[in-house]
PDB file of N, CA and C in Angstrom:
ATOM      1  N   UNK A   1       0.821  -1.185   0.000  1.00  0.00           N
ATOM      2  CA  UNK A   1       0.000   0.000   0.000  1.00  0.00           C
ATOM      3  C   UNK A   1       0.872   1.259   0.000  1.00  0.00           C
ATOM      4  N   UNK A   2       2.029   1.175   0.691  1.00  0.00           N
ATOM      5  CA  UNK A   2       2.924   2.322   0.756  1.00  0.00           C
ATOM      6  C   UNK A   2       3.466   2.656  -0.634  1.00  0.00           C
ATOM      7  N   UNK A   3       3.746   1.619  -1.413  1.00  0.00           N
ATOM      8  CA  UNK A   3       4.293   1.844  -2.749  1.00  0.00           C
ATOM      9  C   UNK A   3       3.262   2.468  -3.684  1.00  0.00           C
ATOM     10  N   UNK A   4       1.992   2.221  -3.442  1.00  0.00           N
ATOM     11  CA  UNK A   4       0.934   2.820  -4.252  1.00  0.00           C
ATOM     12  C   UNK A   4       0.988   4.344  -4.157  1.00  0.00           C
ATOM     13  N   UNK A   5       1.273   4.869  -2.976  1.00  0.00           N
ATOM     14  CA  UNK A   5       1.364   6.315  -2.791  1.00  0.00           C
ATOM     15  C   UNK A   5       2.495   6.895  -3.631  1.00  0.00           C
ATOM     16  N   UNK A   6       3.647   6.247  -3.605  1.00  0.00           N
ATOM     17  CA  UNK A   6       4.785   6.727  -4.383  1.00  0.00           C
ATOM     18  C   UNK A   6       4.532   6.608  -5.882  1.00  0.00           C
ATOM     19  N   UNK A   7       3.857   5.549  -6.280  1.00  0.00           N
ATOM     20  CA  UNK A   7       3.518   5.373  -7.696  1.00  0.00           C
ATOM     21  C   UNK A   7       2.556   6.472  -8.143  1.00  0.00           C
ATOM     22  N   UNK A   8       1.579   6.816  -7.294  1.00  0.00           N
ATOM     23  CA  UNK A   8       0.658   7.904  -7.630  1.00  0.00           C
ATOM     24  C   UNK A   8       1.396   9.224  -7.795  1.00  0.00           C
ATOM     25  N   UNK A   9       2.356   9.494  -6.922  1.00  0.00           N
ATOM     26  CA  UNK A   9       3.128  10.736  -7.013  1.00  0.00           C
ATOM     27  C   UNK A   9       3.927  10.763  -8.311  1.00  0.00           C
ATOM     28  N   UNK A  10       4.582   9.662  -8.640  1.00  0.00           N
ATOM     29  CA  UNK A  10       5.397   9.619  -9.856  1.00  0.00           C
ATOM     30  C   UNK A  10       4.531   9.747 -11.102  1.00  0.00           C
ATOM     31  N   UNK A  11       3.428   9.004 -11.154  1.00  0.00           N
ATOM     32  CA  UNK A  11       2.542   9.071 -12.319  1.00  0.00           C
ATOM     33  C   UNK A  11       1.959  10.474 -12.471  1.00  0.00           C
ATOM     34  N   UNK A  12       1.527  11.065 -11.372  1.00  0.00           N
ATOM     35  CA  UNK A  12       0.969  12.417 -11.428  1.00  0.00           C
ATOM     36  C   UNK A  12       1.982  13.431 -11.906  1.00  0.00           C
ATOM     37  N   UNK A  13       3.210  13.326 -11.429  1.00  0.00           N
ATOM     38  CA  UNK A  13       4.259  14.258 -11.855  1.00  0.00           C
ATOM     39  C   UNK A  13       4.580  14.080 -13.332  1.00  0.00           C
ATOM     40  N   UNK A  14       4.698  12.833 -13.794  1.00  0.00           N
ATOM     41  CA  UNK A  14       5.011  12.580 -15.202  1.00  0.00           C
ATOM     42  C   UNK A  14       3.889  13.091 -16.106  1.00  0.00           C
ATOM     43  N   UNK A  15       2.656  12.840 -15.726  1.00  0.00           N
ATOM     44  CA  UNK A  15       1.524  13.298 -16.543  1.00  0.00           C
ATOM     45  C   UNK A  15       1.469  14.825 -16.572  1.00  0.00           C
ATOM     46  N   UNK A  16       1.686  15.469 -15.441  1.00  0.00           N
ATOM     47  CA  UNK A  16       1.657  16.929 -15.397  1.00  0.00           C
ATOM     48  C   UNK A  16       2.791  17.525 -16.228  1.00  0.00           C
ATOM     49  N   UNK A  17       3.976  16.935 -16.149  1.00  0.00           N
ATOM     50  CA  UNK A  17       5.107  17.438 -16.944  1.00  0.00           C
ATOM     51  C   UNK A  17       4.855  17.189 -18.436  1.00  0.00           C
ATOM     52  N   UNK A  18       4.305  16.036 -18.763  1.00  0.00           N
ATOM     53  CA  UNK A  18       4.001  15.725 -20.162  1.00  0.00           C
ATOM     54  C   UNK A  18       2.979  16.715 -20.726  1.00  0.00           C
ATOM     55  N   UNK A  19       1.946  17.009 -19.969  1.00  0.00           N
ATOM     56  CA  UNK A  19       0.907  17.925 -20.439  1.00  0.00           C
ATOM     57  C   UNK A  19       1.455  19.343 -20.570  1.00  0.00           C
ATOM     58  N   UNK A  20       2.380  19.706 -19.708  1.00  0.00           N
ATOM     59  CA  UNK A  20       2.956  21.053 -19.732  1.00  0.00           C
ATOM     60  C   UNK A  20       3.987  21.203 -20.846  1.00  0.00           C
ATOM     61  N   UNK A  21       4.644  20.109 -21.259  1.00  0.00           N
ATOM     62  CA  UNK A  21       5.737  20.169 -22.223  1.00  0.00           C
ATOM     63  C   UNK A  21       5.255  20.375 -23.657  1.00  0.00           C
ATOM     64  N   UNK A  22       4.034  20.030 -23.948  1.00  0.00           N
ATOM     65  CA  UNK A  22       3.537  20.173 -25.307  1.00  0.00           C
ATOM     66  C   UNK A  22       3.378  21.647 -25.664  1.00  0.00           C
ATOM     67  N   UNK A  23       3.442  21.928 -26.958  1.00  0.00           N
ATOM     68  CA  UNK A  23       3.271  23.317 -27.392  1.00  0.00           C
ATOM     69  C   UNK A  23       1.843  23.780 -27.142  1.00  0.00           C
ATOM     70  N   UNK A  24       0.891  22.901 -27.430  1.00  0.00           N
ATOM     71  CA  UNK A  24      -0.507  23.187 -27.099  1.00  0.00           C
ATOM     72  C   UNK A  24      -0.855  22.375 -25.856  1.00  0.00           C
ATOM     73  N   UNK A  25      -1.008  23.055 -24.745  1.00  0.00           N
ATOM     74  CA  UNK A  25      -1.275  22.352 -23.491  1.00  0.00           C
ATOM     75  C   UNK A  25      -2.691  21.788 -23.496  1.00  0.00           C
ATOM     76  N   UNK A  26      -2.813  20.582 -22.992  1.00  0.00           N
ATOM     77  CA  UNK A  26      -4.130  20.010 -22.769  1.00  0.00           C
ATOM     78  C   UNK A  26      -4.436  20.201 -21.289  1.00  0.00           C
ATOM     79  N   UNK A  27      -5.318  21.125 -20.996  1.00  0.00           N
ATOM     80  CA  UNK A  27      -5.593  21.487 -19.606  1.00  0.00           C
ATOM     81  C   UNK A  27      -6.176  20.333 -18.805  1.00  0.00           C
ATOM     82  N   UNK A  28      -6.978  19.504 -19.459  1.00  0.00           N
ATOM     83  CA  UNK A  28      -7.612  18.401 -18.749  1.00  0.00           C
ATOM     84  C   UNK A  28      -6.582  17.355 -18.306  1.00  0.00           C
ATOM     85  N   UNK A  29      -5.609  17.078 -19.156  1.00  0.00           N
ATOM     86  CA  UNK A  29      -4.558  16.131 -18.771  1.00  0.00           C
ATOM     87  C   UNK A  29      -3.704  16.732 -17.659  1.00  0.00           C
ATOM     88  N   UNK A  30      -3.401  18.033 -17.762  1.00  0.00           N
ATOM     89  CA  UNK A  30      -2.619  18.710 -16.727  1.00  0.00           C
ATOM     90  C   UNK A  30      -3.352  18.684 -15.381  1.00  0.00           C
ATOM     91  N   UNK A  31      -4.629  18.965 -15.387  1.00  0.00           N
ATOM     92  CA  UNK A  31      -5.424  18.939 -14.152  1.00  0.00           C
ATOM     93  C   UNK A  31      -5.487  17.520 -13.593  1.00  0.00           C
ATOM     94  N   UNK A  32      -5.665  16.525 -14.464  1.00  0.00           N
ATOM     95  CA  UNK A  32      -5.683  15.132 -14.013  1.00  0.00           C
ATOM     96  C   UNK A  32      -4.361  14.727 -13.378  1.00  0.00           C
ATOM     97  N   UNK A  33      -3.251  15.145 -13.970  1.00  0.00           N
ATOM     98  CA  UNK A  33      -1.938  14.840 -13.405  1.00  0.00           C
ATOM     99  C   UNK A  33      -1.738  15.486 -12.050  1.00  0.00           C
ATOM    100  N   UNK A  34      -2.180  16.728 -11.929  1.00  0.00           N
ATOM    101  CA  UNK A  34      -2.053  17.426 -10.643  1.00  0.00           C
ATOM    102  C   UNK A  34      -2.920  16.769  -9.581  1.00  0.00           C
ATOM    103  N   UNK A  35      -4.102  16.333  -9.958  1.00  0.00           N
ATOM    104  CA  UNK A  35      -4.990  15.658  -8.995  1.00  0.00           C
ATOM    105  C   UNK A  35      -4.363  14.349  -8.522  1.00  0.00           C
ATOM    106  N   UNK A  36      -3.804  13.566  -9.454  1.00  0.00           N
ATOM    107  CA  UNK A  36      -3.155  12.303  -9.066  1.00  0.00           C
ATOM    108  C   UNK A  36      -1.955  12.579  -8.168  1.00  0.00           C
ATOM    109  N   UNK A  37      -1.168  13.595  -8.519  1.00  0.00           N
ATOM    110  CA  UNK A  37      -0.006  13.974  -7.710  1.00  0.00           C
ATOM    111  C   UNK A  37      -0.433  14.366  -6.296  1.00  0.00           C
ATOM    112  N   UNK A  38      -1.439  15.202  -6.171  1.00  0.00           N
ATOM    113  CA  UNK A  38      -1.886  15.662  -4.857  1.00  0.00           C
ATOM    114  C   UNK A  38      -2.519  14.524  -4.055  1.00  0.00           C
ATOM    115  N   UNK A  39      -3.178  13.606  -4.720  1.00  0.00           N
ATOM    116  CA  UNK A  39      -3.743  12.445  -4.024  1.00  0.00           C
ATOM    117  C   UNK A  39      -2.626  11.601  -3.408  1.00  0.00           C
ATOM    118  N   UNK A  40      -1.548  11.395  -4.151  1.00  0.00           N
ATOM    119  CA  UNK A  40      -0.413  10.645  -3.619  1.00  0.00           C
ATOM    120  C   UNK A  40       0.250  11.364  -2.457  1.00  0.00           C
ATOM    121  N   UNK A  41       0.435  12.684  -2.578  1.00  0.00           N
ATOM    122  CA  UNK A  41       1.045  13.463  -1.498  1.00  0.00           C
ATOM    123  C   UNK A  41       0.158  13.440  -0.259  1.00  0.00           C
ATOM    124  N   UNK A  42      -1.138  13.547  -0.441  1.00  0.00           N
ATOM    125  CA  UNK A  42      -2.065  13.497   0.702  1.00  0.00           C
ATOM    126  C   UNK A  42      -1.982  12.154   1.417  1.00  0.00           C
ATOM    127  N   UNK A  43      -1.949  11.071   0.651  1.00  0.00           N
ATOM    128  CA  UNK A  43      -1.892   9.747   1.268  1.00  0.00           C
ATOM    129  C   UNK A  43      -0.595   9.534   2.030  1.00  0.00           C
ATOM    130  N   UNK A  44       0.516  10.072   1.512  1.00  0.00           N
ATOM    131  CA  UNK A  44       1.795   9.945   2.217  1.00  0.00           C
ATOM    132  C   UNK A  44       1.774  10.791   3.482  1.00  0.00           C
ATOM    133  N   UNK A  45       1.299  12.030   3.394  1.00  0.00           N
ATOM    134  CA  UNK A  45       1.302  12.916   4.557  1.00  0.00           C
ATOM    135  C   UNK A  45       0.345  12.446   5.644  1.00  0.00           C
ATOM    136  N   UNK A  46      -0.676  11.725   5.259  1.00  0.00           N
ATOM    137  CA  UNK A  46      -1.633  11.205   6.235  1.00  0.00           C
ATOM    138  C   UNK A  46      -1.000  10.137   7.127  1.00  0.00           C
ATOM    139  N   UNK A  47      -0.010   9.418   6.586  1.00  0.00           N
ATOM    140  CA  UNK A  47       0.613   8.346   7.356  1.00  0.00           C
ATOM    141  C   UNK A  47       1.804   8.814   8.185  1.00  0.00           C
ATOM    142  N   UNK A  48       2.275  10.043   7.977  1.00  0.00           N
ATOM    143  CA  UNK A  48       3.413  10.569   8.731  1.00  0.00           C
ATOM    144  C   UNK A  48       2.886  11.197  10.023  1.00  0.00           C
ATOM    145  N   UNK A  49       3.418  10.784  11.187  1.00  0.00           N
ATOM    146  CA  UNK A  49       2.922  11.355  12.451  1.00  0.00           C
ATOM    147  C   UNK A  49       3.370  12.802  12.621  1.00  0.00           C
ATOM    148  N   UNK A  50       2.595  13.537  13.374  1.00  0.00           N
ATOM    149  CA  UNK A  50       2.899  14.932  13.630  1.00  0.00           C
ATOM    150  C   UNK A  50       4.072  15.046  14.588  1.00  0.00           C
ATOM    151  N   UNK A  51       4.981  15.959  14.318  1.00  0.00           N
ATOM    152  CA  UNK A  51       6.133  16.169  15.197  1.00  0.00           C
ATOM    153  C   UNK A  51       5.668  16.817  16.500  1.00  0.00           C
ATOM    154  N   UNK A  52       4.696  17.698  16.438  1.00  0.00           N
ATOM    155  CA  UNK A  52       4.207  18.409  17.618  1.00  0.00           C
ATOM    156  C   UNK A  52       3.632  17.436  18.648  1.00  0.00           C
ATOM    157  N   UNK A  53       2.880  16.449  18.207  1.00  0.00           N
ATOM    158  CA  UNK A  53       2.287  15.494  19.136  1.00  0.00           C
ATOM    159  C   UNK A  53       3.358  14.686  19.856  1.00  0.00           C
ATOM    160  N   UNK A  54       4.399  14.263  19.163  1.00  0.00           N
ATOM    161  CA  UNK A  54       5.431  13.453  19.797  1.00  0.00           C
ATOM    162  C   UNK A  54       6.241  14.283  20.782  1.00  0.00           C
ATOM    163  N   UNK A  55       6.482  15.570  20.504  1.00  0.00           N
ATOM    164  CA  UNK A  55       7.205  16.423  21.439  1.00  0.00           C
ATOM    165  C   UNK A  55       6.375  16.669  22.700  1.00  0.00           C
ATOM    166  N   UNK A  56       5.063  16.839  22.545  1.00  0.00           N
ATOM    167  CA  UNK A  56       4.202  17.052  23.701  1.00  0.00           C
ATOM    168  C   UNK A  56       4.203  15.830  24.612  1.00  0.00           C
ATOM    169  N   UNK A  57       4.178  14.649  24.050  1.00  0.00           N
ATOM    170  CA  UNK A  57       4.169  13.420  24.831  1.00  0.00           C
ATOM    171  C   UNK A  57       5.493  13.279  25.582  1.00  0.00           C
ATOM    172  N   UNK A  58       6.608  13.577  24.933  1.00  0.00           N
ATOM    173  CA  UNK A  58       7.914  13.487  25.581  1.00  0.00           C
ATOM    174  C   UNK A  58       8.028  14.486  26.722  1.00  0.00           C
ATOM    175  N   UNK A  59       7.555  15.699  26.528  1.00  0.00           N
ATOM    176  CA  UNK A  59       7.627  16.714  27.573  1.00  0.00           C
ATOM    177  C   UNK A  59       6.745  16.349  28.766  1.00  0.00           C
ATOM    178  N   UNK A  60       5.589  15.756  28.503  1.00  0.00           N
ATOM    179  CA  UNK A  60       4.684  15.367  29.569  1.00  0.00           C
ATOM    180  C   UNK A  60       5.296  14.255  30.415  1.00  0.00           C
ATOM    181  N   UNK A  61       5.969  13.310  29.764  1.00  0.00           N
ATOM    182  CA  UNK A  61       6.572  12.196  30.497  1.00  0.00           C
ATOM    183  C   UNK A  61       7.768  12.644  31.316  1.00  0.00           C
ATOM    184  N   UNK A  62       8.490  13.664  30.886  1.00  0.00           N
ATOM    185  CA  UNK A  62       9.664  14.140  31.604  1.00  0.00           C
ATOM    186  C   UNK A  62       9.312  15.001  32.812  1.00  0.00           C
ATOM    187  N   UNK A  63       8.128  15.583  32.832  1.00  0.00           N
ATOM    188  CA  UNK A  63       7.731  16.466  33.952  1.00  0.00           C
ATOM    189  C   UNK A  63       7.347  15.717  35.191  1.00  0.00           C
TER     190      UNK A  63
END
């Protein structure tokens, strides 16, 4: 499942770059690539724990 997130990011970036590289941009392909890219980034960021929460827990245990 973790690799799916990275694959989404790579596919979204490649599609967005491909759509942007053409002389006549296809806006729909560019928007689709950006959506896939952002979906992958969201899924990765959702699984990363917050730094603030871990610091609060450490400070509470030390007091």
